Amino acid sequence: MSKDTDNPNLNPSHEASKTNKPQDTVTFALAQSHFLVGDIATNVEKMRTLALQAREQGADVIVFPELALLGYPPQDLLLRPSLSGRVKSALSTLSDIDDIVMIVGYPHVDHHGTFNSAAILHNGHQKGFYHKQMLPNYGVFDERRYFDKGRNQVLFDYKGITIGLLICEDLWDKNPIAELKKQGADLIVSLNASPFEIEKQNNRKAMLAKRSRENNLPIVYVNAVGGQDDLVFDGGSMAVQADGSVAHEAPRFMNQLLLATLDVKTAKFNNQAKAPLSLSRESEMYQALVVGLRDYVNHSGFSGIIVGLSGGIDSALTLCIAVDALGADKVYAVMMPYEYTSQISLEDAQAQARRLNVSYTVCPIFDAVEGIRHTLAPLFNKSPADTTEENIQARARGVVLMALSNKFGHLVITTGNKSELAVGYSTLYGDMAGGFDVLKDVYKSQVYKLASYRNRLEDTPVIPERVITRPPSAELRPDQKDQDSLPDYDVLDGILMSYIDEDMGYQEIIDKGFDAEMVAKVIKMVDNSEYKRLQSPIGTKISHKAFGRERRYPLVNKWSIKG
């Protein structure tokens, strides 16, 4: 970055004269909105609309999320040769917007490299730009694969205050903000694309409070919102006072243009008239799952979704999330009974479909299963029945669902939960067949809590009570129960959370009070199921460590759990 862009000075006299606001205040518009990855033309038009709306409402400065121009995370789109030209062309289309400062997240490409950047646009000119310094390379982030590290602090003067710029990870490190303070910053603006995970908003607030208090600086924190593949961005944008208190907070999981006015003399924000409702653990989890499914389906171009409804709790919760995400008219439920399907399951599946007013079809699979078994009989040569025959049932259901998807263009969503996926309690090309797994990052014990939470939202429960209370079963053999093959889910999930989410080893988990033999068994099941998970559909991340891009292990390895 050239020296002359490090401290651009913006003359506010023209726009200040066009408003009735006091000269000694600055109003920031926090543009918490969904910017779709790769759709640069639509994203820049959304920026234009929001900037004009913010200006109309009296804003002096509008701040967009991290990489909003291209969307986050853009992954290998950043390697496309045409990227630089497209970005420059898009930014140039904003040059006719006057009387409001725009701080735009975008990828900057020049002879020095590719940077995760923020542009300062004002009255048709780019007054400066900032390159992100701290590039996260953990969890779902791999920014060092794509970006070069920024090395300069950037400040700009506006209406009597000096504003410093940071981007996401920069704020989690204590040094970038401290350096801006040292160079004279009066306020920090931070652009973010911070994905959701359980209780993440509380962690953000704690971090912002610490940084603001340490440096005695107010902070404008703008976060992205909406679903992108397996990630969900939950918004929660904030304006934080220098003492760490939250002056303004945007609702979670919603588009919002949030205005916060700073008194230049006191360096304090006005306080929000009414803060958004805080979300319970189950509420934020449920909303994340709804948004993740909604945006994946809608932006992928599917006209609707198909759910294999079994009468069990996983498919029941999945159906609720699907209806809440897309509306009943876009959800198609199919019950595929076999001889082991109980009458209770048939009744409960039909009751829930009627309660949610979705299209419901019963498609028995007896003939399909018997046809396959007849075809395989000579090859099996009278071998005794085992899980192979059970898996034929699951795969017959997969064939039915995928055929309906092909014929009518609907997306098949699977219903497996994280506990089952962890230990391989699922069938490749059977109940794993589909394009999106709504509960992929939801443990079975959490499924029960979410089902009860959803029922509490209405006077008449949407999930029949006995679906929640009766023992879970795959119903692939007579009187089958999940606990025939697995430990109690509360015990299983305790071991799985320790091993997967917390990265604990064999001995550490035993030290928490779990049975040594059970721990060894569960860990072996997890490790042996890696090849299945690699072939599973994506699903919304809600935990600290989800299967997929965040947890990558070799399929073939000889790592010993007791080494």
Protein backbone atom coordinates (compact mmCIF):
# COMPACT_ATOMS: atom_id res chain seq x y z
CA MET A 1 0.00 0.00 0.00
CA SER A 2 1.35 3.43 -0.85
CA LYS A 3 1.94 5.91 1.95
CA ASP A 4 -0.56 8.43 0.68
CA THR A 5 -3.48 6.07 1.33
CA ASP A 6 -2.63 5.40 4.96
CA ASN A 7 -4.41 8.49 6.33
CA PRO A 8 -6.91 9.88 3.80
CA ASN A 9 -8.74 13.02 4.87
CA LEU A 10 -12.37 13.23 3.86
CA ASN A 11 -14.05 16.62 3.66
CA PRO A 12 -17.53 16.27 5.16
CA SER A 13 -18.75 19.83 4.71
CA HIS A 14 -20.83 19.16 1.59
CA GLU A 15 -22.84 16.27 2.96
CA ALA A 16 -23.13 17.79 6.42
CA SER A 17 -24.82 20.82 4.92
CA LYS A 18 -27.44 18.58 3.33
CA THR A 19 -28.71 17.15 6.62
CA ASN A 20 -30.24 18.57 9.76
CA LYS A 21 -27.95 16.55 11.99
CA PRO A 22 -25.51 18.35 14.28
CA GLN A 23 -22.05 18.91 12.83
CA ASP A 24 -20.50 17.21 15.84
CA THR A 25 -22.03 13.76 15.28
CA VAL A 26 -21.24 10.93 12.87
CA THR A 27 -23.90 8.35 12.05
CA PHE A 28 -22.69 4.90 10.99
CA ALA A 29 -24.90 2.51 9.04
CA LEU A 30 -24.01 -1.13 9.72
CA ALA A 31 -25.03 -3.04 6.60
CA GLN A 32 -25.69 -6.50 8.00
CA SER A 33 -26.76 -8.29 4.85
CA HIS A 34 -26.27 -11.46 2.83
CA PHE A 35 -23.81 -11.13 -0.04
CA LEU A 36 -23.81 -14.25 -2.20
CA VAL A 37 -20.46 -15.79 -3.11
CA GLY A 38 -19.47 -15.11 -6.71
CA ASP A 39 -22.44 -12.88 -7.54
CA ILE A 40 -20.46 -9.65 -7.83
CA ALA A 41 -23.03 -7.83 -9.97
CA THR A 42 -25.89 -8.48 -7.55
CA ASN A 43 -23.71 -7.76 -4.52
CA VAL A 44 -22.62 -4.37 -5.82
CA GLU A 45 -26.21 -3.44 -6.65
CA LYS A 46 -27.22 -4.39 -3.12
CA MET A 47 -24.44 -2.13 -1.83
CA ARG A 48 -25.77 0.70 -3.97
CA THR A 49 -29.32 0.23 -2.67
CA LEU A 50 -28.22 0.05 0.95
CA ALA A 51 -25.92 3.06 0.62
CA LEU A 52 -28.70 5.21 -0.83
CA GLN A 53 -31.11 3.98 1.83
CA ALA A 54 -28.58 4.73 4.57
CA ARG A 55 -27.92 8.20 3.17
CA GLU A 56 -31.66 8.87 3.08
CA GLN A 57 -31.84 7.91 6.75
CA GLY A 58 -29.10 10.36 7.63
CA ALA A 59 -26.04 8.11 7.73
CA ASP A 60 -22.59 9.60 7.12
CA VAL A 61 -20.73 6.30 6.78
CA ILE A 62 -21.94 2.87 5.68
CA VAL A 63 -19.89 -0.22 6.52
CA PHE A 64 -20.25 -3.52 4.67
CA PRO A 65 -19.04 -6.96 5.85
CA GLU A 66 -15.73 -8.61 5.05
CA LEU A 67 -15.29 -9.46 1.34
CA ALA A 68 -18.92 -8.47 0.74
CA LEU A 69 -18.26 -7.61 -2.89
CA LEU A 70 -17.36 -11.23 -3.70
CA GLY A 71 -19.03 -13.01 -0.79
CA TYR A 72 -17.39 -15.12 1.93
CA PRO A 73 -15.77 -17.61 1.77
CA PRO A 74 -14.97 -17.40 -1.96
CA GLN A 75 -12.41 -20.23 -1.83
CA ASP A 76 -10.78 -20.91 -5.21
CA LEU A 77 -12.80 -18.21 -6.95
CA LEU A 78 -9.96 -16.04 -5.64
CA LEU A 79 -7.65 -17.85 -8.06
CA ARG A 80 -9.70 -17.03 -11.17
CA PRO A 81 -7.68 -14.91 -13.64
CA SER A 82 -10.63 -12.59 -14.32
CA LEU A 83 -11.17 -11.70 -10.64
CA SER A 84 -9.20 -8.46 -10.59
CA GLY A 85 -10.97 -7.01 -13.61
CA ARG A 86 -14.41 -7.91 -12.32
CA VAL A 87 -13.72 -6.36 -8.91
CA LYS A 88 -12.37 -3.11 -10.38
CA SER A 89 -15.33 -2.84 -12.72
CA ALA A 90 -17.79 -3.41 -9.86
CA LEU A 91 -16.16 -0.83 -7.60
CA SER A 92 -16.22 1.72 -10.41
CA THR A 93 -20.02 1.41 -10.65
CA LEU A 94 -20.28 2.87 -7.14
CA SER A 95 -18.48 6.06 -8.17
CA ASP A 96 -21.69 8.05 -8.70
CA ILE A 97 -22.85 7.66 -5.08
CA ASP A 98 -22.25 10.96 -3.31
CA ASP A 99 -22.56 12.29 0.21
CA ILE A 100 -21.85 9.09 2.10
CA VAL A 101 -18.59 7.31 2.90
CA MET A 102 -18.67 3.64 1.88
CA ILE A 103 -16.34 1.12 3.52
CA VAL A 104 -16.45 -1.94 1.29
CA GLY A 105 -14.97 -5.38 1.89
CA TYR A 106 -13.39 -6.71 -1.31
CA PRO A 107 -10.46 -8.80 -2.65
CA HIS A 108 -7.63 -6.51 -3.76
CA VAL A 109 -5.36 -7.85 -6.50
CA ASP A 110 -2.23 -6.04 -7.67
CA HIS A 111 1.43 -6.74 -8.44
CA HIS A 112 2.11 -7.15 -4.71
CA GLY A 113 -0.35 -10.03 -4.37
CA THR A 114 -3.95 -10.77 -3.39
CA PHE A 115 -5.31 -9.20 -0.22
CA ASN A 116 -8.45 -9.38 1.92
CA SER A 117 -9.19 -5.67 1.92
CA ALA A 118 -11.46 -2.77 2.78
CA ALA A 119 -11.87 0.17 0.38
CA ILE A 120 -12.77 3.68 1.49
CA LEU A 121 -15.04 5.20 -1.17
CA HIS A 122 -16.27 8.80 -1.08
CA ASN A 123 -17.90 11.01 -3.69
CA GLY A 124 -16.72 8.98 -6.65
CA HIS A 125 -13.17 8.34 -5.48
CA GLN A 126 -11.37 5.55 -3.68
CA LYS A 127 -9.69 7.46 -0.86
CA GLY A 128 -7.73 4.52 0.47
CA PHE A 129 -7.68 0.84 1.26
CA TYR A 130 -6.65 -1.46 4.07
CA HIS A 131 -5.28 -5.00 3.84
CA LYS A 132 -6.13 -7.55 6.54
CA GLN A 133 -3.08 -8.38 8.65
CA MET A 134 -4.08 -11.47 10.63
CA LEU A 135 -5.00 -14.31 8.26
CA PRO A 136 -6.79 -17.18 10.05
CA ASN A 137 -5.72 -20.66 9.03
CA TYR A 138 -7.62 -22.93 11.40
CA GLY A 139 -11.07 -24.50 11.61
CA VAL A 140 -13.08 -23.50 8.55
CA PHE A 141 -10.58 -20.80 7.58
CA ASP A 142 -7.73 -21.20 5.11
CA GLU A 143 -6.98 -17.59 4.21
CA ARG A 144 -3.22 -18.13 3.94
CA ARG A 145 -3.92 -20.29 0.89
CA TYR A 146 -5.31 -17.27 -0.91
CA PHE A 147 -4.21 -14.00 0.65
CA ASP A 148 -1.02 -12.10 1.28
CA LYS A 149 -0.58 -10.47 4.67
CA GLY A 150 -1.26 -6.75 5.02
CA ARG A 151 1.43 -4.78 6.87
CA ASN A 152 0.16 -1.22 7.30
CA GLN A 153 -2.26 0.36 9.69
CA VAL A 154 -4.84 2.57 7.99
CA LEU A 155 -6.64 5.56 9.50
CA PHE A 156 -8.78 8.28 7.94
CA ASP A 157 -10.11 11.55 9.29
CA TYR A 158 -13.78 12.41 9.01
CA LYS A 159 -15.82 15.13 10.72
CA GLY A 160 -13.28 15.57 13.47
CA ILE A 161 -12.62 11.90 14.30
CA THR A 162 -9.82 9.58 13.22
CA ILE A 163 -11.13 6.18 12.19
CA GLY A 164 -8.99 3.04 12.10
CA LEU A 165 -9.83 0.00 9.98
CA LEU A 166 -9.58 -3.68 10.89
CA ILE A 167 -10.93 -6.87 9.31
CA CYS A 168 -12.29 -9.76 11.39
CA GLU A 169 -9.33 -11.75 12.77
CA ASP A 170 -7.36 -8.53 13.24
CA LEU A 171 -9.61 -7.73 16.18
CA TRP A 172 -9.09 -11.07 17.91
CA ASP A 173 -5.38 -10.25 18.17
CA LYS A 174 -4.46 -7.47 20.63
CA ASN A 175 -1.73 -5.85 18.51
CA PRO A 176 -3.49 -4.35 15.44
CA ILE A 177 -5.96 -2.31 17.48
CA ALA A 178 -3.25 -1.24 19.93
CA GLU A 179 -1.15 0.03 17.02
CA LEU A 180 -4.10 2.00 15.66
CA LYS A 181 -4.60 3.54 19.10
CA LYS A 182 -0.94 4.48 19.22
CA GLN A 183 -1.24 6.21 15.85
CA GLY A 184 -4.18 8.32 17.01
CA ALA A 185 -7.36 6.39 16.26
CA ASP A 186 -10.52 7.69 17.96
CA LEU A 187 -12.75 4.82 16.76
CA ILE A 188 -12.35 1.42 15.12
CA VAL A 189 -14.41 0.07 12.24
CA SER A 190 -14.21 -3.71 11.86
CA LEU A 191 -15.52 -5.66 8.83
CA ASN A 192 -16.36 -9.28 9.58
CA ALA A 193 -17.54 -12.57 8.13
CA SER A 194 -17.69 -14.53 11.36
CA PRO A 195 -19.51 -17.88 11.01
CA PHE A 196 -22.03 -19.05 13.57
CA GLU A 197 -21.34 -21.63 16.20
CA ILE A 198 -23.13 -22.21 19.49
CA GLU A 199 -22.67 -19.28 21.90
CA LYS A 200 -20.37 -17.47 19.43
CA GLN A 201 -22.15 -14.14 19.98
CA ASN A 202 -21.30 -14.19 23.67
CA ASN A 203 -17.66 -14.79 22.76
CA ARG A 204 -17.72 -11.89 20.31
CA LYS A 205 -19.16 -9.56 22.94
CA ALA A 206 -16.53 -10.59 25.47
CA MET A 207 -13.77 -10.03 22.93
CA LEU A 208 -15.11 -6.62 21.85
CA ALA A 209 -15.54 -5.52 25.46
CA LYS A 210 -11.95 -6.50 26.21
CA ARG A 211 -10.49 -4.75 23.15
CA SER A 212 -12.49 -1.56 23.63
CA ARG A 213 -11.62 -1.30 27.33
CA GLU A 214 -7.95 -2.11 26.79
CA ASN A 215 -7.63 0.72 24.29
CA ASN A 216 -10.42 3.06 25.42
CA LEU A 217 -11.86 3.00 21.90
CA PRO A 218 -15.42 2.63 20.61
CA ILE A 219 -15.82 -0.08 17.96
CA VAL A 220 -18.19 -0.47 15.01
CA TYR A 221 -18.45 -4.21 14.35
CA VAL A 222 -20.29 -5.31 11.18
CA ASN A 223 -20.89 -9.01 10.54
CA ALA A 224 -22.25 -10.91 7.56
CA VAL A 225 -25.52 -12.84 7.69
CA GLY A 226 -26.98 -15.79 5.77
CA GLY A 227 -26.04 -19.31 4.70
CA GLN A 228 -23.15 -20.29 2.44
CA ASP A 229 -22.74 -24.01 1.78
CA ASP A 230 -22.18 -25.55 5.25
CA LEU A 231 -21.61 -22.22 7.00
CA VAL A 232 -24.13 -19.80 8.47
CA PHE A 233 -23.33 -16.20 9.32
CA ASP A 234 -25.54 -14.96 12.12
CA GLY A 235 -25.01 -11.20 12.01
CA GLY A 236 -25.25 -9.71 15.48
CA SER A 237 -23.47 -6.54 14.32
CA MET A 238 -22.69 -4.12 17.13
CA ALA A 239 -21.62 -0.62 18.08
CA VAL A 240 -19.60 -0.86 21.28
CA GLN A 241 -18.71 1.99 23.62
CA ALA A 242 -15.14 2.62 24.77
CA ASP A 243 -16.02 1.07 28.14
CA GLY A 244 -17.01 -2.21 26.49
CA SER A 245 -20.78 -1.85 26.80
CA VAL A 246 -22.96 -2.55 23.77
CA ALA A 247 -24.76 0.58 22.56
CA HIS A 248 -26.41 -1.00 19.50
CA GLU A 249 -26.90 -4.61 18.44
CA ALA A 250 -28.54 -5.95 15.28
CA PRO A 251 -30.89 -8.95 15.40
CA ARG A 252 -29.32 -12.32 14.71
CA PHE A 253 -29.86 -14.23 11.43
CA MET A 254 -31.63 -11.28 9.77
CA ASN A 255 -30.75 -8.59 7.24
CA GLN A 256 -30.59 -5.28 9.06
CA LEU A 257 -29.42 -1.74 8.33
CA LEU A 258 -28.47 -0.62 11.83
CA LEU A 259 -27.78 3.06 12.50
CA ALA A 260 -25.54 4.21 15.35
CA THR A 261 -24.70 7.86 15.98
CA LEU A 262 -21.43 8.89 17.63
CA ASP A 263 -21.03 12.16 19.52
CA VAL A 264 -17.66 13.43 18.30
CA LYS A 265 -16.94 15.45 21.45
CA THR A 266 -17.57 12.62 23.91
CA ALA A 267 -16.70 9.72 21.54
CA LYS A 268 -19.85 7.94 22.73
CA PHE A 269 -22.64 6.32 20.75
CA ASN A 270 -26.27 7.11 21.39
CA ASN A 271 -27.95 4.13 23.03
CA GLN A 272 -30.32 1.82 21.17
CA ALA A 273 -33.98 2.37 22.05
CA LYS A 274 -34.73 -1.35 22.17
CA ALA A 275 -32.18 -4.13 22.02
CA PRO A 276 -33.03 -7.34 20.13
CA LEU A 277 -34.22 -10.34 22.10
CA SER A 278 -31.45 -12.57 23.32
CA LEU A 279 -31.61 -16.12 21.98
CA SER A 280 -31.50 -19.28 24.05
CA ARG A 281 -29.05 -22.01 23.12
CA GLU A 282 -31.78 -24.05 21.42
CA SER A 283 -33.25 -21.00 19.71
CA GLU A 284 -29.97 -19.93 18.09
CA MET A 285 -29.22 -23.51 17.05
CA TYR A 286 -32.65 -23.90 15.47
CA GLN A 287 -32.47 -20.57 13.64
CA ALA A 288 -29.02 -21.43 12.29
CA LEU A 289 -30.35 -24.74 10.91
CA VAL A 290 -33.33 -22.99 9.30
CA VAL A 291 -31.19 -20.31 7.65
CA GLY A 292 -28.57 -22.82 6.52
CA LEU A 293 -31.12 -25.01 4.75
CA ARG A 294 -33.14 -22.08 3.37
CA ASP A 295 -30.21 -20.36 1.72
CA TYR A 296 -28.63 -23.54 0.40
CA VAL A 297 -31.83 -24.68 -1.30
CA ASN A 298 -32.88 -21.28 -2.61
CA HIS A 299 -29.48 -20.28 -3.94
CA SER A 300 -28.86 -23.69 -5.48
CA GLY A 301 -31.97 -23.30 -7.61
CA PHE A 302 -34.04 -26.24 -6.38
CA SER A 303 -37.80 -25.84 -6.55
CA GLY A 304 -38.40 -27.81 -3.36
CA ILE A 305 -37.13 -30.58 -1.12
CA ILE A 306 -37.95 -34.22 -0.43
CA VAL A 307 -37.75 -35.75 3.03
CA GLY A 308 -37.91 -39.44 3.78
CA LEU A 309 -40.29 -39.42 6.75
CA SER A 310 -39.84 -42.47 8.99
CA GLY A 311 -41.97 -41.67 12.02
CA GLY A 312 -38.78 -41.19 14.08
CA ILE A 313 -37.51 -38.09 15.79
CA ASP A 314 -34.70 -37.23 13.35
CA SER A 315 -36.94 -37.04 10.29
CA ALA A 316 -39.64 -35.31 12.37
CA LEU A 317 -37.27 -32.51 13.40
CA THR A 318 -35.87 -32.30 9.88
CA LEU A 319 -39.37 -31.85 8.47
CA CYS A 320 -40.08 -29.02 10.93
CA ILE A 321 -36.87 -27.22 9.97
CA ALA A 322 -37.66 -27.72 6.28
CA VAL A 323 -41.13 -26.21 6.60
CA ASP A 324 -39.86 -23.28 8.67
CA ALA A 325 -37.10 -22.68 6.13
CA LEU A 326 -39.01 -22.98 2.86
CA GLY A 327 -42.73 -23.12 3.54
CA ALA A 328 -44.99 -26.16 3.44
CA ASP A 329 -45.67 -25.80 -0.27
CA LYS A 330 -42.05 -26.59 -1.11
CA VAL A 331 -41.69 -29.65 1.12
CA TYR A 332 -42.58 -33.19 0.02
CA ALA A 333 -42.60 -36.00 2.58
CA VAL A 334 -42.40 -39.65 1.56
CA MET A 335 -43.00 -42.55 3.94
CA MET A 336 -41.44 -45.80 2.65
CA PRO A 337 -42.61 -48.65 4.90
CA TYR A 338 -41.30 -52.21 4.89
CA GLU A 339 -42.44 -55.22 6.91
CA TYR A 340 -40.53 -54.02 10.01
CA THR A 341 -42.09 -50.56 9.99
CA SER A 342 -44.38 -50.26 13.00
CA GLN A 343 -47.95 -49.04 12.87
CA ILE A 344 -46.95 -46.32 15.33
CA SER A 345 -44.38 -45.00 12.87
CA LEU A 346 -46.95 -44.89 10.07
CA GLU A 347 -49.43 -43.05 12.27
CA ASP A 348 -46.91 -40.55 13.61
CA ALA A 349 -45.45 -39.77 10.19
CA GLN A 350 -48.91 -39.10 8.77
CA ALA A 351 -49.92 -37.01 11.78
CA GLN A 352 -46.90 -34.77 11.50
CA ALA A 353 -47.25 -34.33 7.74
CA ARG A 354 -50.89 -33.30 8.22
CA ARG A 355 -50.02 -30.99 11.11
CA LEU A 356 -47.42 -29.18 8.98
CA ASN A 357 -49.63 -29.30 5.87
CA VAL A 358 -46.99 -30.78 3.58
CA SER A 359 -47.47 -33.07 0.60
CA TYR A 360 -47.35 -36.63 1.96
CA THR A 361 -46.99 -39.87 0.03
CA VAL A 362 -46.71 -43.48 1.18
CA CYS A 363 -44.50 -45.59 -1.09
CA PRO A 364 -44.03 -49.17 0.20
CA ILE A 365 -40.64 -50.69 -0.67
CA PHE A 366 -41.50 -54.38 -0.19
CA ASP A 367 -41.44 -55.23 -3.90
CA ALA A 368 -38.21 -53.29 -4.46
CA VAL A 369 -36.42 -55.00 -1.57
CA GLU A 370 -37.65 -58.45 -2.53
CA GLY A 371 -36.60 -57.86 -6.13
CA ILE A 372 -33.08 -56.98 -5.08
CA ARG A 373 -32.88 -59.90 -2.67
CA HIS A 374 -34.11 -62.26 -5.39
CA THR A 375 -31.47 -60.92 -7.76
CA LEU A 376 -28.74 -61.39 -5.16
CA ALA A 377 -29.86 -64.81 -3.91
CA PRO A 378 -27.71 -66.85 -6.34
CA LEU A 379 -24.69 -64.68 -5.50
CA PHE A 380 -25.21 -64.91 -1.74
CA ASN A 381 -25.39 -68.71 -2.00
CA LYS A 382 -27.58 -69.18 1.10
CA SER A 383 -25.32 -67.09 3.34
CA PRO A 384 -27.04 -66.23 6.64
CA ALA A 385 -28.82 -62.89 6.81
CA ASP A 386 -26.94 -60.00 8.44
CA THR A 387 -26.69 -56.23 8.12
CA THR A 388 -26.46 -56.67 4.34
CA GLU A 389 -30.18 -57.35 4.16
CA GLU A 390 -30.89 -54.42 6.46
CA ASN A 391 -28.87 -52.12 4.23
CA ILE A 392 -30.82 -53.26 1.17
CA GLN A 393 -33.91 -51.70 2.76
CA ALA A 394 -32.12 -48.40 3.36
CA ARG A 395 -30.72 -48.40 -0.17
CA ALA A 396 -34.13 -49.13 -1.68
CA ARG A 397 -35.41 -46.03 0.07
CA GLY A 398 -32.46 -44.07 -1.27
CA VAL A 399 -33.31 -45.20 -4.81
CA VAL A 400 -36.92 -44.05 -4.41
CA LEU A 401 -35.96 -40.62 -3.05
CA MET A 402 -33.28 -40.00 -5.67
CA ALA A 403 -35.63 -41.08 -8.47
CA LEU A 404 -38.22 -38.58 -7.27
CA SER A 405 -35.49 -35.94 -7.11
CA ASN A 406 -34.43 -36.66 -10.68
CA LYS A 407 -37.98 -36.66 -11.96
CA PHE A 408 -39.26 -33.50 -10.27
CA GLY A 409 -36.12 -31.48 -9.56
CA HIS A 410 -36.40 -31.41 -5.78
CA LEU A 411 -33.43 -31.73 -3.45
CA VAL A 412 -33.31 -34.80 -1.21
CA ILE A 413 -32.37 -33.82 2.32
CA THR A 414 -31.10 -36.54 4.60
CA THR A 415 -31.95 -36.91 8.26
CA GLY A 416 -28.87 -38.43 9.90
CA ASN A 417 -27.55 -36.77 13.05
CA LYS A 418 -23.96 -36.16 14.18
CA SER A 419 -23.97 -39.07 16.65
CA GLU A 420 -24.93 -41.55 13.94
CA LEU A 421 -22.54 -40.07 11.41
CA ALA A 422 -19.72 -40.14 13.96
CA VAL A 423 -19.96 -43.88 14.63
CA GLY A 424 -21.08 -44.96 11.15
CA TYR A 425 -24.63 -45.85 12.19
CA SER A 426 -25.88 -45.11 8.69
CA THR A 427 -25.93 -46.70 5.24
CA LEU A 428 -23.89 -45.46 2.32
CA TYR A 429 -26.16 -44.87 -0.70
CA GLY A 430 -29.13 -45.50 1.58
CA ASP A 431 -30.17 -43.09 4.31
CA MET A 432 -27.02 -41.09 3.45
CA ALA A 433 -28.23 -40.53 -0.12
CA GLY A 434 -29.10 -36.89 -0.71
CA GLY A 435 -27.76 -33.40 -1.21
CA PHE A 436 -27.97 -31.80 2.25
CA ASP A 437 -28.02 -33.20 5.78
CA VAL A 438 -29.89 -30.79 8.05
CA LEU A 439 -28.79 -32.47 11.31
CA LYS A 440 -25.22 -33.30 10.30
CA ASP A 441 -23.74 -31.22 13.14
CA VAL A 442 -26.48 -31.97 15.71
CA TYR A 443 -25.87 -34.70 18.28
CA LYS A 444 -28.77 -37.02 19.08
CA SER A 445 -29.16 -35.61 22.60
CA GLN A 446 -29.45 -32.15 21.00
CA VAL A 447 -32.06 -33.47 18.55
CA TYR A 448 -34.36 -34.22 21.49
CA LYS A 449 -33.83 -30.75 22.96
CA LEU A 450 -34.51 -29.06 19.61
CA ALA A 451 -37.66 -31.15 19.07
CA SER A 452 -38.99 -30.13 22.48
CA TYR A 453 -38.03 -26.51 21.78
CA ARG A 454 -39.93 -26.51 18.48
CA ASN A 455 -43.01 -28.00 20.12
CA ARG A 456 -43.01 -25.25 22.76
CA LEU A 457 -43.37 -22.58 20.07
CA GLU A 458 -46.99 -23.55 19.35
CA ASP A 459 -50.03 -24.49 21.35
CA THR A 460 -50.42 -27.72 19.40
CA PRO A 461 -47.15 -29.71 19.15
CA VAL A 462 -45.86 -30.19 15.60
CA ILE A 463 -43.99 -33.35 16.61
CA PRO A 464 -46.13 -36.06 18.26
CA GLU A 465 -45.06 -36.53 21.87
CA ARG A 466 -44.49 -40.26 21.54
CA VAL A 467 -42.00 -39.61 18.73
CA ILE A 468 -39.90 -37.86 21.36
CA THR A 469 -40.48 -40.34 24.18
CA ARG A 470 -40.31 -43.76 22.52
CA PRO A 471 -36.92 -45.53 22.08
CA PRO A 472 -35.28 -44.68 18.74
CA SER A 473 -35.08 -47.42 16.11
CA ALA A 474 -33.96 -47.76 12.50
CA GLU A 475 -36.70 -50.44 12.09
CA LEU A 476 -34.58 -52.58 9.80
CA ARG A 477 -35.23 -55.81 11.74
CA PRO A 478 -37.84 -57.03 14.23
CA ASP A 479 -37.92 -55.11 17.53
CA GLN A 480 -34.70 -53.27 16.67
CA LYS A 481 -33.53 -50.46 18.97
CA ASP A 482 -30.60 -48.10 18.43
CA GLN A 483 -29.24 -49.09 21.84
CA ASP A 484 -28.85 -52.69 20.60
CA SER A 485 -25.78 -51.42 18.70
CA LEU A 486 -24.91 -48.20 20.52
CA PRO A 487 -24.55 -47.04 24.11
CA ASP A 488 -27.19 -44.75 25.57
CA TYR A 489 -27.09 -41.52 23.57
CA ASP A 490 -26.29 -39.36 26.58
CA VAL A 491 -23.22 -41.49 27.25
CA LEU A 492 -22.32 -41.78 23.57
CA ASP A 493 -22.62 -38.04 22.99
CA GLY A 494 -20.49 -37.30 26.03
CA ILE A 495 -17.68 -39.42 24.60
CA LEU A 496 -18.15 -38.06 21.08
CA MET A 497 -18.11 -34.41 22.18
CA SER A 498 -14.91 -35.05 24.10
CA TYR A 499 -13.22 -36.84 21.22
CA ILE A 500 -14.49 -34.78 18.27
CA ASP A 501 -15.32 -31.28 19.53
CA GLU A 502 -12.70 -31.03 22.27
CA ASP A 503 -9.96 -33.18 20.61
CA MET A 504 -9.43 -35.18 23.79
CA GLY A 505 -7.46 -38.41 23.71
CA TYR A 506 -8.36 -41.85 25.02
CA GLN A 507 -6.95 -41.39 28.53
CA GLU A 508 -8.34 -37.85 28.92
CA ILE A 509 -11.85 -39.11 28.16
CA ILE A 510 -11.54 -41.95 30.65
CA ASP A 511 -10.37 -39.44 33.24
CA LYS A 512 -13.70 -37.66 32.80
CA GLY A 513 -15.40 -40.77 34.22
CA PHE A 514 -16.29 -42.79 31.11
CA ASP A 515 -15.80 -46.56 30.96
CA ALA A 516 -12.46 -47.43 29.34
CA GLU A 517 -13.83 -50.27 27.22
CA MET A 518 -16.70 -48.10 25.99
CA VAL A 519 -14.35 -45.22 25.14
CA ALA A 520 -12.09 -47.50 23.13
CA LYS A 521 -15.09 -48.96 21.28
CA VAL A 522 -16.55 -45.55 20.41
CA ILE A 523 -13.23 -44.10 19.26
CA LYS A 524 -12.66 -47.11 17.02
CA MET A 525 -16.13 -46.68 15.50
CA VAL A 526 -15.45 -43.00 14.83
CA ASP A 527 -12.07 -43.65 13.22
CA ASN A 528 -13.35 -46.56 11.12
CA SER A 529 -16.22 -44.46 9.73
CA GLU A 530 -14.09 -41.72 8.19
CA TYR A 531 -14.62 -43.07 4.67
CA LYS A 532 -18.39 -42.87 5.12
CA ARG A 533 -18.32 -39.29 6.31
CA LEU A 534 -16.20 -38.25 3.35
CA GLN A 535 -19.09 -39.35 1.11
CA SER A 536 -21.86 -37.80 3.17
CA PRO A 537 -23.79 -34.69 2.11
CA ILE A 538 -22.85 -31.33 3.57
CA GLY A 539 -24.84 -29.91 6.45
CA THR A 540 -24.96 -26.70 8.46
CA LYS A 541 -22.13 -26.20 10.96
CA ILE A 542 -23.32 -25.18 14.44
CA SER A 543 -20.68 -26.68 16.74
CA HIS A 544 -17.10 -25.80 17.57
CA LYS A 545 -15.91 -28.61 15.33
CA ALA A 546 -18.11 -29.96 12.56
CA PHE A 547 -17.46 -32.81 10.16
CA GLY A 548 -16.35 -31.58 6.76
CA ARG A 549 -13.92 -28.78 5.99
CA GLU A 550 -13.19 -28.31 9.69
CA ARG A 551 -12.14 -31.86 10.58
CA ARG A 552 -9.97 -33.65 8.05
CA TYR A 553 -8.37 -37.00 8.77
CA PRO A 554 -6.66 -39.50 6.44
CA LEU A 555 -8.92 -42.36 5.42
CA VAL A 556 -6.09 -44.88 5.75
CA ASN A 557 -3.87 -44.51 8.80
CA LYS A 558 -2.44 -46.60 11.64
CA TRP A 559 -2.75 -44.07 14.46
CA SER A 560 -3.16 -45.86 17.77
CA ILE A 561 -5.60 -44.41 20.30
CA LYS A 562 -3.48 -45.66 23.20
CA GLY A 563 -0.12 -44.59 21.75
